[in-house]
C-alpha cells in the first residue's frame, strides 16, 4: 500500500492490522490511530471521524452476470 510507504517516509511508526470493515471507523481513536479503506464519505461517518482530502478518485461500477 503506498499510504504505508508514505507514512513510514514521514517518520511514523506503522503497524498494519486487519479489521472488519464495519469496525474500522468505530475503532479510530480507541483501537487504532487511523483507518485506510475505500470509504464513501457520508454525514453520519463525518460525525464520527475527520476525513482527509481525496487522494485517489475511483469510479464505482456494478458487475452482473452476462445474459445467457
N, C-alpha and C. Protein backbone atom coordinates (compact mmCIF):
# COMPACT_ATOMS: atom_id res chain seq x y z
N UNK A 1 0.83 -1.18 0.00
CA UNK A 1 0.00 0.00 0.00
C UNK A 1 0.88 1.25 0.00
N UNK A 2 0.68 2.11 -0.96
CA UNK A 2 1.51 3.32 -1.00
C UNK A 2 1.32 4.21 0.22
N UNK A 3 0.15 4.17 0.85
CA UNK A 3 -0.10 5.01 2.02
C UNK A 3 0.87 4.65 3.14
N UNK A 4 1.13 3.36 3.32
CA UNK A 4 2.03 2.91 4.39
C UNK A 4 3.45 3.37 4.09
N UNK A 5 3.88 3.26 2.85
CA UNK A 5 5.21 3.70 2.46
C UNK A 5 5.38 5.19 2.76
N UNK A 6 4.39 6.00 2.41
CA UNK A 6 4.48 7.44 2.65
C UNK A 6 4.50 7.75 4.15
N UNK A 7 3.73 7.03 4.92
CA UNK A 7 3.71 7.26 6.37
C UNK A 7 5.07 6.94 6.98
N UNK A 8 5.67 5.83 6.56
CA UNK A 8 7.00 5.47 7.08
C UNK A 8 8.03 6.52 6.68
N UNK A 9 7.97 6.99 5.43
CA UNK A 9 8.90 8.01 4.97
C UNK A 9 8.75 9.30 5.76
N UNK A 10 7.55 9.57 6.25
CA UNK A 10 7.29 10.78 7.04
C UNK A 10 7.69 10.60 8.51
N UNK A 11 8.17 9.41 8.86
CA UNK A 11 8.65 9.18 10.22
C UNK A 11 7.65 8.55 11.18
N UNK A 12 6.50 8.13 10.67
CA UNK A 12 5.52 7.49 11.53
C UNK A 12 5.84 6.01 11.72
N UNK A 13 5.55 5.50 12.90
CA UNK A 13 5.63 4.06 13.14
C UNK A 13 4.35 3.45 12.61
N UNK A 14 4.46 2.45 11.77
CA UNK A 14 3.30 1.87 11.11
C UNK A 14 3.15 0.40 11.49
N UNK A 15 1.96 0.05 11.94
CA UNK A 15 1.61 -1.33 12.21
C UNK A 15 0.30 -1.59 11.48
N UNK A 16 0.32 -2.51 10.55
CA UNK A 16 -0.86 -2.82 9.76
C UNK A 16 -1.61 -3.99 10.38
N UNK A 17 -2.91 -3.83 10.57
CA UNK A 17 -3.73 -4.91 11.11
C UNK A 17 -5.00 -5.05 10.27
N UNK A 18 -5.55 -6.22 10.21
CA UNK A 18 -6.80 -6.48 9.52
C UNK A 18 -7.95 -6.26 10.50
N UNK A 19 -9.02 -5.66 10.02
CA UNK A 19 -10.21 -5.45 10.86
C UNK A 19 -11.43 -5.53 9.96
N UNK A 20 -12.55 -5.98 10.50
CA UNK A 20 -13.78 -5.98 9.70
C UNK A 20 -14.13 -4.55 9.29
N UNK A 21 -14.61 -4.37 8.06
CA UNK A 21 -14.89 -3.03 7.54
C UNK A 21 -15.82 -2.26 8.46
N UNK A 22 -16.87 -2.89 8.96
CA UNK A 22 -17.85 -2.16 9.79
C UNK A 22 -17.29 -1.74 11.14
N UNK A 23 -16.10 -2.22 11.51
CA UNK A 23 -15.50 -1.84 12.78
C UNK A 23 -14.40 -0.80 12.62
N UNK A 24 -14.02 -0.47 11.39
CA UNK A 24 -12.89 0.43 11.17
C UNK A 24 -13.10 1.81 11.76
N UNK A 25 -14.18 2.48 11.39
CA UNK A 25 -14.38 3.86 11.86
C UNK A 25 -14.64 3.93 13.35
N UNK A 26 -15.38 2.97 13.89
CA UNK A 26 -15.63 2.98 15.33
C UNK A 26 -14.35 2.78 16.14
N UNK A 27 -13.35 2.14 15.54
CA UNK A 27 -12.09 1.88 16.24
C UNK A 27 -11.09 3.00 16.18
N UNK A 28 -11.31 4.00 15.29
CA UNK A 28 -10.36 5.11 15.18
C UNK A 28 -10.39 5.92 16.48
N UNK A 29 -9.21 6.09 17.06
CA UNK A 29 -9.10 6.85 18.29
C UNK A 29 -9.17 5.99 19.54
N UNK A 30 -9.59 4.74 19.38
CA UNK A 30 -9.64 3.84 20.54
C UNK A 30 -8.75 2.63 20.29
N UNK A 31 -9.06 1.85 19.28
CA UNK A 31 -8.28 0.64 18.98
C UNK A 31 -7.12 0.92 18.03
N UNK A 32 -7.25 1.94 17.19
CA UNK A 32 -6.19 2.29 16.24
C UNK A 32 -6.22 3.79 15.96
N UNK A 33 -5.12 4.29 15.41
CA UNK A 33 -4.96 5.72 15.17
C UNK A 33 -5.59 6.19 13.86
N UNK A 34 -5.68 5.29 12.90
CA UNK A 34 -6.19 5.65 11.57
C UNK A 34 -6.77 4.43 10.90
N UNK A 35 -7.54 4.67 9.85
CA UNK A 35 -8.10 3.58 9.06
C UNK A 35 -7.94 3.93 7.59
N UNK A 36 -7.52 2.94 6.81
CA UNK A 36 -7.36 3.13 5.37
C UNK A 36 -8.24 2.12 4.66
N UNK A 37 -9.16 2.64 3.87
CA UNK A 37 -10.05 1.78 3.08
C UNK A 37 -10.73 2.67 2.05
N UNK A 38 -11.56 2.07 1.23
CA UNK A 38 -12.30 2.83 0.22
C UNK A 38 -13.61 3.31 0.82
N UNK A 39 -13.53 4.32 1.67
CA UNK A 39 -14.72 4.83 2.35
C UNK A 39 -15.49 5.80 1.45
N UNK A 40 -16.78 5.72 1.49
CA UNK A 40 -17.61 6.78 0.96
C UNK A 40 -17.88 7.72 2.13
N UNK A 41 -17.63 9.00 1.93
CA UNK A 41 -17.85 9.97 3.00
C UNK A 41 -19.33 10.28 3.09
N UNK A 42 -19.91 10.01 4.24
CA UNK A 42 -21.31 10.33 4.49
C UNK A 42 -21.39 11.26 5.69
N UNK A 43 -22.50 11.94 5.85
CA UNK A 43 -22.67 12.83 7.01
C UNK A 43 -22.55 12.04 8.31
N UNK A 44 -23.12 10.85 8.34
CA UNK A 44 -23.07 10.02 9.55
C UNK A 44 -21.63 9.67 9.91
N UNK A 45 -20.84 9.27 8.91
CA UNK A 45 -19.44 8.92 9.16
C UNK A 45 -18.62 10.16 9.52
N UNK A 46 -18.91 11.27 8.89
CA UNK A 46 -18.17 12.50 9.15
C UNK A 46 -18.42 13.02 10.57
N UNK A 47 -19.50 12.61 11.19
CA UNK A 47 -19.76 12.98 12.59
C UNK A 47 -18.86 12.20 13.55
N UNK A 48 -18.35 11.06 13.09
CA UNK A 48 -17.53 10.20 13.94
C UNK A 48 -16.03 10.47 13.80
N UNK A 49 -15.58 10.78 12.58
CA UNK A 49 -14.16 10.93 12.30
C UNK A 49 -13.93 12.10 11.35
N UNK A 50 -12.68 12.51 11.24
CA UNK A 50 -12.29 13.53 10.27
C UNK A 50 -11.65 12.84 9.08
N UNK A 51 -12.16 13.11 7.89
CA UNK A 51 -11.63 12.50 6.67
C UNK A 51 -10.56 13.40 6.07
N UNK A 52 -9.57 12.79 5.43
CA UNK A 52 -8.58 13.55 4.68
C UNK A 52 -9.21 14.04 3.38
N UNK A 53 -8.51 14.93 2.69
CA UNK A 53 -8.92 15.28 1.34
C UNK A 53 -8.78 14.03 0.47
N UNK A 54 -9.54 13.97 -0.61
CA UNK A 54 -9.40 12.84 -1.53
C UNK A 54 -7.98 12.79 -2.06
N UNK A 55 -7.41 11.61 -2.09
CA UNK A 55 -6.09 11.45 -2.69
C UNK A 55 -6.13 10.46 -3.84
N UNK A 56 -7.28 9.86 -4.06
CA UNK A 56 -7.44 8.93 -5.17
C UNK A 56 -8.91 8.94 -5.57
N UNK A 57 -9.17 9.08 -6.83
CA UNK A 57 -10.54 9.05 -7.34
C UNK A 57 -10.79 7.70 -7.99
N UNK A 58 -11.84 7.03 -7.57
CA UNK A 58 -12.17 5.73 -8.12
C UNK A 58 -13.63 5.74 -8.55
N UNK A 59 -13.89 5.30 -9.74
CA UNK A 59 -15.26 5.19 -10.20
C UNK A 59 -15.91 3.94 -9.63
N UNK A 60 -17.20 3.98 -9.47
CA UNK A 60 -17.94 2.81 -8.99
C UNK A 60 -18.55 2.11 -10.19
N UNK A 61 -18.57 0.80 -10.13
CA UNK A 61 -19.17 0.01 -11.19
C UNK A 61 -20.04 -1.08 -10.57
N UNK A 62 -20.98 -1.54 -11.34
CA UNK A 62 -21.83 -2.66 -10.94
C UNK A 62 -21.52 -3.80 -11.89
N UNK A 63 -21.22 -4.97 -11.36
CA UNK A 63 -20.90 -6.13 -12.18
C UNK A 63 -22.01 -7.15 -12.01
N UNK A 64 -22.58 -7.59 -13.13
CA UNK A 64 -23.67 -8.57 -13.13
C UNK A 64 -23.34 -9.67 -14.13
N UNK A 65 -23.95 -10.84 -13.98
CA UNK A 65 -23.70 -11.90 -14.96
C UNK A 65 -24.16 -11.47 -16.35
N UNK A 66 -23.47 -11.96 -17.37
CA UNK A 66 -23.89 -11.63 -18.74
C UNK A 66 -25.17 -12.39 -19.06
N UNK A 67 -25.92 -11.89 -20.00
CA UNK A 67 -27.18 -12.53 -20.40
C UNK A 67 -26.86 -13.87 -21.08
N UNK A 68 -27.70 -14.88 -20.83
CA UNK A 68 -27.44 -16.21 -21.45
C UNK A 68 -27.65 -16.17 -22.95
